[in-house]
């Protein structure tokens, strides 16, 4: 049985976010939806508040 090698060129196209991802990033930046936590307990408290 012969073996076939397939070479796929990996370029920078994987580093470019698509429109949906860019919209989500923009949404977070405009509405300040991101938040940092100092502990897992603080994160869990915030999650449970929903």
PDB file of N, CA and C in Angstrom:
ATOM      1  N   UNK A   1       0.855  -1.178   0.000  1.00  0.00           N
ATOM      2  CA  UNK A   1       0.000   0.000   0.000  1.00  0.00           C
ATOM      3  C   UNK A   1       0.896   1.235   0.000  1.00  0.00           C
ATOM      4  N   UNK A   2       0.599   2.163  -0.861  1.00  0.00           N
ATOM      5  CA  UNK A   2       1.408   3.381  -0.925  1.00  0.00           C
ATOM      6  C   UNK A   2       0.879   4.435   0.038  1.00  0.00           C
ATOM      7  N   UNK A   3       1.751   5.283   0.442  1.00  0.00           N
ATOM      8  CA  UNK A   3       1.392   6.348   1.375  1.00  0.00           C
ATOM      9  C   UNK A   3       1.392   7.675   0.627  1.00  0.00           C
ATOM     10  N   UNK A   4       0.365   8.490   0.861  1.00  0.00           N
ATOM     11  CA  UNK A   4       0.272   9.803   0.233  1.00  0.00           C
ATOM     12  C   UNK A   4       0.509  10.868   1.284  1.00  0.00           C
ATOM     13  N   UNK A   5       1.417  11.760   1.001  1.00  0.00           N
ATOM     14  CA  UNK A   5       1.674  12.882   1.907  1.00  0.00           C
ATOM     15  C   UNK A   5       0.904  14.093   1.419  1.00  0.00           C
ATOM     16  N   UNK A   6       0.197  14.718   2.328  1.00  0.00           N
ATOM     17  CA  UNK A   6      -0.539  15.931   2.011  1.00  0.00           C
ATOM     18  C   UNK A   6       0.062  17.057   2.835  1.00  0.00           C
ATOM     19  N   UNK A   7       0.545  18.059   2.148  1.00  0.00           N
ATOM     20  CA  UNK A   7       1.122  19.217   2.830  1.00  0.00           C
ATOM     21  C   UNK A   7       0.111  20.351   2.831  1.00  0.00           C
ATOM     22  N   UNK A   8      -0.218  20.825   3.998  1.00  0.00           N
ATOM     23  CA  UNK A   8      -1.124  21.957   4.140  1.00  0.00           C
ATOM     24  C   UNK A   8      -0.310  23.140   4.634  1.00  0.00           C
ATOM     25  N   UNK A   9      -0.385  24.221   3.898  1.00  0.00           N
ATOM     26  CA  UNK A   9       0.370  25.415   4.279  1.00  0.00           C
ATOM     27  C   UNK A   9      -0.353  26.131   5.417  1.00  0.00           C
ATOM     28  N   UNK A  10       0.348  26.312   6.494  1.00  0.00           N
ATOM     29  CA  UNK A  10      -0.207  27.036   7.636  1.00  0.00           C
ATOM     30  C   UNK A  10       0.322  28.459   7.564  1.00  0.00           C
ATOM     31  N   UNK A  11      -0.581  29.404   7.347  1.00  0.00           N
ATOM     32  CA  UNK A  11      -0.143  30.792   7.267  1.00  0.00           C
ATOM     33  C   UNK A  11      -0.851  31.615   8.328  1.00  0.00           C
ATOM     34  N   UNK A  12      -0.791  32.899   8.197  1.00  0.00           N
ATOM     35  CA  UNK A  12      -1.316  33.798   9.220  1.00  0.00           C
ATOM     36  C   UNK A  12      -2.836  33.943   9.196  1.00  0.00           C
ATOM     37  N   UNK A  13      -3.527  33.257   8.302  1.00  0.00           N
ATOM     38  CA  UNK A  13      -4.978  33.422   8.227  1.00  0.00           C
ATOM     39  C   UNK A  13      -5.673  32.954   9.498  1.00  0.00           C
ATOM     40  N   UNK A  14      -5.043  32.068  10.254  1.00  0.00           N
ATOM     41  CA  UNK A  14      -5.650  31.603  11.495  1.00  0.00           C
ATOM     42  C   UNK A  14      -5.559  32.654  12.602  1.00  0.00           C
ATOM     43  N   UNK A  15      -4.707  33.646  12.438  1.00  0.00           N
ATOM     44  CA  UNK A  15      -4.541  34.691  13.447  1.00  0.00           C
ATOM     45  C   UNK A  15      -5.517  35.846  13.265  1.00  0.00           C
ATOM     46  N   UNK A  16      -6.276  35.848  12.187  1.00  0.00           N
ATOM     47  CA  UNK A  16      -7.199  36.946  11.896  1.00  0.00           C
ATOM     48  C   UNK A  16      -8.593  36.550  12.362  1.00  0.00           C
ATOM     49  N   UNK A  17      -9.154  37.277  13.347  1.00  0.00           N
ATOM     50  CA  UNK A  17     -10.503  36.932  13.825  1.00  0.00           C
ATOM     51  C   UNK A  17     -11.551  37.188  12.748  1.00  0.00           C
ATOM     52  N   UNK A  18     -12.583  36.346  12.734  1.00  0.00           N
ATOM     53  CA  UNK A  18     -13.664  36.546  11.773  1.00  0.00           C
ATOM     54  C   UNK A  18     -14.605  37.642  12.276  1.00  0.00           C
ATOM     55  N   UNK A  19     -15.609  37.973  11.484  1.00  0.00           N
ATOM     56  CA  UNK A  19     -16.515  39.084  11.808  1.00  0.00           C
ATOM     57  C   UNK A  19     -17.263  38.842  13.122  1.00  0.00           C
ATOM     58  N   UNK A  20     -17.671  37.620  13.370  1.00  0.00           N
ATOM     59  CA  UNK A  20     -18.406  37.312  14.601  1.00  0.00           C
ATOM     60  C   UNK A  20     -17.525  37.522  15.834  1.00  0.00           C
ATOM     61  N   UNK A  21     -16.288  37.085  15.747  1.00  0.00           N
ATOM     62  CA  UNK A  21     -15.353  37.273  16.858  1.00  0.00           C
ATOM     63  C   UNK A  21     -15.054  38.746  17.076  1.00  0.00           C
ATOM     64  N   UNK A  22     -14.832  39.489  15.996  1.00  0.00           N
ATOM     65  CA  UNK A  22     -14.584  40.924  16.119  1.00  0.00           C
ATOM     66  C   UNK A  22     -15.778  41.641  16.748  1.00  0.00           C
ATOM     67  N   UNK A  23     -16.997  41.236  16.388  1.00  0.00           N
ATOM     68  CA  UNK A  23     -18.194  41.841  16.974  1.00  0.00           C
ATOM     69  C   UNK A  23     -18.279  41.545  18.463  1.00  0.00           C
ATOM     70  N   UNK A  24     -17.935  40.337  18.865  1.00  0.00           N
ATOM     71  CA  UNK A  24     -17.956  39.982  20.280  1.00  0.00           C
ATOM     72  C   UNK A  24     -16.920  40.774  21.067  1.00  0.00           C
ATOM     73  N   UNK A  25     -15.734  40.926  20.502  1.00  0.00           N
ATOM     74  CA  UNK A  25     -14.681  41.717  21.152  1.00  0.00           C
ATOM     75  C   UNK A  25     -15.128  43.169  21.288  1.00  0.00           C
ATOM     76  N   UNK A  26     -15.711  43.712  20.236  1.00  0.00           N
ATOM     77  CA  UNK A  26     -16.201  45.091  20.251  1.00  0.00           C
ATOM     78  C   UNK A  26     -17.294  45.265  21.303  1.00  0.00           C
ATOM     79  N   UNK A  27     -18.180  44.278  21.402  1.00  0.00           N
ATOM     80  CA  UNK A  27     -19.262  44.322  22.382  1.00  0.00           C
ATOM     81  C   UNK A  27     -18.709  44.370  23.805  1.00  0.00           C
ATOM     82  N   UNK A  28     -17.726  43.543  24.076  1.00  0.00           N
ATOM     83  CA  UNK A  28     -17.113  43.525  25.413  1.00  0.00           C
ATOM     84  C   UNK A  28     -16.435  44.856  25.702  1.00  0.00           C
ATOM     85  N   UNK A  29     -15.717  45.385  24.725  1.00  0.00           N
ATOM     86  CA  UNK A  29     -15.001  46.644  24.936  1.00  0.00           C
ATOM     87  C   UNK A  29     -15.952  47.820  25.159  1.00  0.00           C
ATOM     88  N   UNK A  30     -17.043  47.865  24.457  1.00  0.00           N
ATOM     89  CA  UNK A  30     -17.976  48.986  24.584  1.00  0.00           C
ATOM     90  C   UNK A  30     -18.819  48.917  25.849  1.00  0.00           C
ATOM     91  N   UNK A  31     -19.179  47.730  26.262  1.00  0.00           N
ATOM     92  CA  UNK A  31     -20.069  47.581  27.419  1.00  0.00           C
ATOM     93  C   UNK A  31     -19.309  47.226  28.696  1.00  0.00           C
ATOM     94  N   UNK A  32     -17.989  47.171  28.589  1.00  0.00           N
ATOM     95  CA  UNK A  32     -17.151  46.848  29.738  1.00  0.00           C
ATOM     96  C   UNK A  32     -17.630  45.573  30.427  1.00  0.00           C
ATOM     97  N   UNK A  33     -17.836  44.513  29.621  1.00  0.00           N
ATOM     98  CA  UNK A  33     -18.316  43.248  30.161  1.00  0.00           C
ATOM     99  C   UNK A  33     -17.213  42.412  30.779  1.00  0.00           C
ATOM    100  N   UNK A  34     -15.982  42.798  30.565  1.00  0.00           N
ATOM    101  CA  UNK A  34     -14.888  42.031  31.144  1.00  0.00           C
ATOM    102  C   UNK A  34     -14.643  42.496  32.573  1.00  0.00           C
ATOM    103  N   UNK A  35     -14.220  41.584  33.412  1.00  0.00           N
ATOM    104  CA  UNK A  35     -14.018  41.875  34.815  1.00  0.00           C
ATOM    105  C   UNK A  35     -12.911  40.965  35.327  1.00  0.00           C
ATOM    106  N   UNK A  36     -12.081  41.478  36.186  1.00  0.00           N
ATOM    107  CA  UNK A  36     -11.036  40.633  36.760  1.00  0.00           C
ATOM    108  C   UNK A  36     -11.385  40.290  38.203  1.00  0.00           C
ATOM    109  N   UNK A  37     -10.853  39.171  38.640  1.00  0.00           N
ATOM    110  CA  UNK A  37     -11.122  38.675  39.987  1.00  0.00           C
ATOM    111  C   UNK A  37      -9.802  38.367  40.669  1.00  0.00           C
ATOM    112  N   UNK A  38      -9.792  38.514  41.980  1.00  0.00           N
ATOM    113  CA  UNK A  38      -8.572  38.264  42.743  1.00  0.00           C
ATOM    114  C   UNK A  38      -8.516  36.864  43.320  1.00  0.00           C
ATOM    115  N   UNK A  39      -9.631  36.140  43.249  1.00  0.00           N
ATOM    116  CA  UNK A  39      -9.642  34.776  43.773  1.00  0.00           C
ATOM    117  C   UNK A  39     -10.749  33.979  43.086  1.00  0.00           C
ATOM    118  N   UNK A  40     -10.636  32.671  43.188  1.00  0.00           N
ATOM    119  CA  UNK A  40     -11.682  31.789  42.637  1.00  0.00           C
ATOM    120  C   UNK A  40     -12.977  32.006  43.400  1.00  0.00           C
ATOM    121  N   UNK A  41     -12.888  32.209  44.703  1.00  0.00           N
ATOM    122  CA  UNK A  41     -14.086  32.433  45.513  1.00  0.00           C
ATOM    123  C   UNK A  41     -14.828  33.690  45.040  1.00  0.00           C
ATOM    124  N   UNK A  42     -14.090  34.744  44.733  1.00  0.00           N
ATOM    125  CA  UNK A  42     -14.700  35.980  44.237  1.00  0.00           C
ATOM    126  C   UNK A  42     -15.360  35.751  42.875  1.00  0.00           C
ATOM    127  N   UNK A  43     -14.718  34.997  42.013  1.00  0.00           N
ATOM    128  CA  UNK A  43     -15.281  34.649  40.710  1.00  0.00           C
ATOM    129  C   UNK A  43     -16.563  33.849  40.873  1.00  0.00           C
ATOM    130  N   UNK A  44     -16.537  32.844  41.729  1.00  0.00           N
ATOM    131  CA  UNK A  44     -17.711  31.998  41.939  1.00  0.00           C
ATOM    132  C   UNK A  44     -18.857  32.797  42.542  1.00  0.00           C
ATOM    133  N   UNK A  45     -18.569  33.706  43.435  1.00  0.00           N
ATOM    134  CA  UNK A  45     -19.601  34.574  44.022  1.00  0.00           C
ATOM    135  C   UNK A  45     -20.287  35.402  42.932  1.00  0.00           C
ATOM    136  N   UNK A  46     -19.489  35.931  42.039  1.00  0.00           N
ATOM    137  CA  UNK A  46     -20.039  36.725  40.939  1.00  0.00           C
ATOM    138  C   UNK A  46     -20.867  35.854  39.997  1.00  0.00           C
ATOM    139  N   UNK A  47     -20.404  34.665  39.682  1.00  0.00           N
ATOM    140  CA  UNK A  47     -21.138  33.760  38.802  1.00  0.00           C
ATOM    141  C   UNK A  47     -22.466  33.332  39.427  1.00  0.00           C
ATOM    142  N   UNK A  48     -22.453  33.075  40.712  1.00  0.00           N
ATOM    143  CA  UNK A  48     -23.676  32.638  41.401  1.00  0.00           C
ATOM    144  C   UNK A  48     -24.674  33.765  41.573  1.00  0.00           C
ATOM    145  N   UNK A  49     -24.236  35.004  41.403  1.00  0.00           N
ATOM    146  CA  UNK A  49     -25.140  36.153  41.551  1.00  0.00           C
ATOM    147  C   UNK A  49     -26.057  36.297  40.340  1.00  0.00           C
ATOM    148  N   UNK A  50     -25.731  35.607  39.256  1.00  0.00           N
ATOM    149  CA  UNK A  50     -26.549  35.715  38.037  1.00  0.00           C
ATOM    150  C   UNK A  50     -27.829  35.046  38.234  1.00  0.00           C
TER     151      UNK A  50
END
